[in-house]
Protein backbone atom coordinates (compact mmCIF):
# COMPACT_ATOMS: atom_id res chain seq x y z
CA MET A 1 53.22 -154.99 -50.85
CA ARG A 2 52.67 -151.88 -48.73
CA GLU A 3 49.66 -150.89 -50.87
CA THR A 4 47.99 -154.24 -50.16
CA ASN A 5 48.55 -153.78 -46.42
CA SER A 6 47.12 -150.24 -46.58
CA TYR A 7 44.11 -151.53 -48.47
CA LYS A 8 43.53 -154.28 -45.92
CA GLN A 9 43.97 -151.80 -43.05
CA LEU A 10 41.48 -149.40 -44.66
CA ARG A 11 38.86 -152.16 -44.96
CA GLU A 12 39.41 -153.12 -41.33
CA ASN A 13 39.20 -149.47 -40.24
CA LEU A 14 35.90 -149.01 -42.06
CA LEU A 15 34.42 -152.01 -40.31
CA SER A 16 35.86 -151.01 -36.92
CA LEU A 17 34.25 -147.58 -37.29
CA ASN A 18 30.92 -149.24 -38.19
CA LEU A 19 31.03 -147.73 -41.66
CA ASN A 20 29.57 -150.96 -42.93
CA GLN A 21 28.22 -149.58 -46.20
CA MET A 22 31.52 -148.09 -47.26
CA ALA A 23 33.53 -151.32 -47.18
CA PRO A 24 31.57 -153.05 -49.98
CA HIS A 25 32.05 -149.98 -52.22
CA LEU A 26 35.75 -149.55 -51.59
CA ASP A 27 36.92 -151.20 -54.83
CA GLU A 28 34.32 -149.35 -56.90
CA VAL A 29 35.36 -145.98 -55.49
CA LEU A 30 39.09 -146.69 -55.80
CA ASP A 31 38.59 -147.74 -59.44
CA PHE A 32 36.58 -144.55 -60.05
CA GLY A 33 39.43 -142.47 -58.65
CA ILE A 34 42.04 -144.21 -60.75
CA GLN A 35 40.05 -144.22 -64.00
CA SER A 36 38.66 -140.70 -63.77
CA GLY A 37 41.73 -139.01 -62.36
CA ALA A 38 39.48 -137.47 -59.71
CA SER A 39 41.01 -135.57 -56.83
CA LEU A 40 41.28 -137.23 -53.44
CA THR A 41 38.49 -134.97 -52.19
CA GLU A 42 36.17 -136.05 -55.02
CA VAL A 43 36.93 -139.70 -54.32
CA LEU A 44 36.25 -139.26 -50.61
CA VAL A 45 32.96 -137.47 -51.31
CA LYS A 46 31.83 -140.30 -53.58
CA PHE A 47 32.96 -142.81 -50.99
CA THR A 48 31.20 -141.20 -48.04
CA ASN A 49 28.01 -140.67 -50.06
CA HIS A 50 27.42 -144.44 -50.00
CA GLU A 51 27.40 -144.51 -46.21
CA ILE A 52 25.28 -141.37 -45.90
CA ASP A 53 22.66 -142.70 -48.32
CA ILE A 54 22.25 -145.93 -46.39
CA GLN A 55 22.24 -144.19 -43.01
CA GLU A 56 19.50 -141.81 -44.22
CA GLN A 57 17.41 -144.75 -45.42
CA GLN A 58 17.88 -146.50 -42.10
CA LYS A 59 17.02 -143.32 -40.19
CA THR A 60 13.79 -142.91 -42.17
CA HIS A 61 12.91 -146.54 -41.53
CA ARG A 62 13.54 -146.12 -37.77
CA MET A 63 11.43 -142.94 -37.63
CA ILE A 64 8.53 -144.61 -39.40
CA ARG A 65 8.77 -147.65 -37.13
CA SER A 66 8.92 -145.46 -33.98
CA ALA A 67 5.87 -143.48 -35.15
CA ALA A 68 3.92 -146.75 -34.78
CA LEU A 69 1.87 -146.09 -37.88
CA PRO A 70 -0.37 -149.03 -38.72
CA SER A 71 0.66 -149.93 -42.27
CA PRO A 72 2.68 -148.44 -45.11
CA LYS A 73 0.53 -146.09 -47.17
CA ARG A 74 1.40 -143.53 -49.80
CA LEU A 75 -0.44 -140.48 -51.04
CA ASP A 76 -0.25 -141.68 -54.65
CA THR A 77 -2.37 -144.70 -53.68
CA PHE A 78 -4.86 -142.82 -51.50
CA ASP A 79 -8.46 -143.34 -52.61
CA PHE A 80 -9.80 -139.79 -52.84
CA SER A 81 -13.20 -141.16 -53.90
CA PHE A 82 -13.42 -142.71 -50.42
CA GLN A 83 -13.15 -139.21 -48.91
CA PRO A 84 -14.68 -136.85 -51.52
CA SER A 85 -14.67 -133.86 -49.16
CA LEU A 86 -10.89 -133.65 -49.43
CA ASN A 87 -9.45 -131.09 -51.81
CA ARG A 88 -6.92 -133.11 -53.84
CA ASP A 89 -4.96 -129.99 -54.88
CA GLN A 90 -4.71 -128.78 -51.30
CA ILE A 91 -3.45 -132.18 -50.15
CA ALA A 92 -0.93 -132.24 -53.00
CA ASP A 93 0.30 -128.81 -51.92
CA LEU A 94 0.65 -130.02 -48.33
CA HIS A 95 2.51 -133.06 -49.64
CA SER A 96 5.17 -130.72 -51.06
CA LEU A 97 6.01 -129.94 -47.39
CA ARG A 98 6.43 -126.24 -48.15
CA PHE A 99 4.45 -125.48 -45.00
CA ILE A 100 7.52 -126.65 -43.09
CA GLU A 101 9.67 -124.03 -44.83
CA ARG A 102 7.13 -121.42 -43.69
CA ASN A 103 7.24 -122.78 -40.11
CA GLU A 104 3.54 -123.64 -40.20
CA ASN A 105 1.76 -126.56 -38.55
CA VAL A 106 -0.74 -128.91 -40.13
CA VAL A 107 -3.25 -130.88 -38.10
CA PHE A 108 -5.66 -133.41 -39.57
CA LEU A 109 -8.85 -133.68 -37.59
CA GLY A 110 -11.40 -136.37 -38.13
CA PRO A 111 -12.73 -139.67 -36.90
CA SER A 112 -10.87 -142.95 -37.25
CA GLY A 113 -10.77 -144.52 -40.67
CA VAL A 114 -10.89 -141.43 -42.86
CA GLY A 115 -7.24 -141.37 -43.98
CA ASN A 116 -5.42 -139.11 -41.51
CA THR A 117 -2.68 -141.67 -40.91
CA SER A 118 -2.20 -142.19 -44.65
CA PHE A 119 -0.94 -138.64 -44.96
CA ASP A 120 1.18 -138.82 -41.81
CA PHE A 121 2.93 -141.93 -43.02
CA ASP A 122 3.75 -140.58 -46.45
CA TRP A 123 5.12 -137.36 -44.98
CA CYS A 124 7.34 -139.26 -42.53
CA ARG A 125 8.97 -140.87 -45.56
CA GLY A 126 9.71 -137.38 -46.85
CA GLY A 127 11.49 -136.42 -43.64
CA ALA A 128 8.67 -134.60 -41.91
CA GLY A 129 7.74 -135.60 -38.40
CA THR A 130 4.39 -136.34 -36.88
CA ALA A 131 3.22 -135.53 -33.40
């Protein structure tokens, strides 16, 4: 009977702490721990990963919304024939975001309607910021 009370208390604690994504996965993670014989640390890592994944997705969504970009666009759907002066390989290299690792800045200059925002939006999804 004590185990049931502990289980109920754990579910309530998760919700009280606003760990809303962990509660639905509690049974799955407990079963994993029992069936695999995983250590308590391994079980907790698996358990917390659910919450972290969802929080990261929500964070990305909030950043994109706060950037006030006009519509969702992705580099893989960008029409390079519309802007033939762009070097596709150079854009693909920029899309890797390695310029961030080198502490470099990238600025797209051009008139409205040529695709600048398309690149900004896709890079926000990858965790890069726009200014």
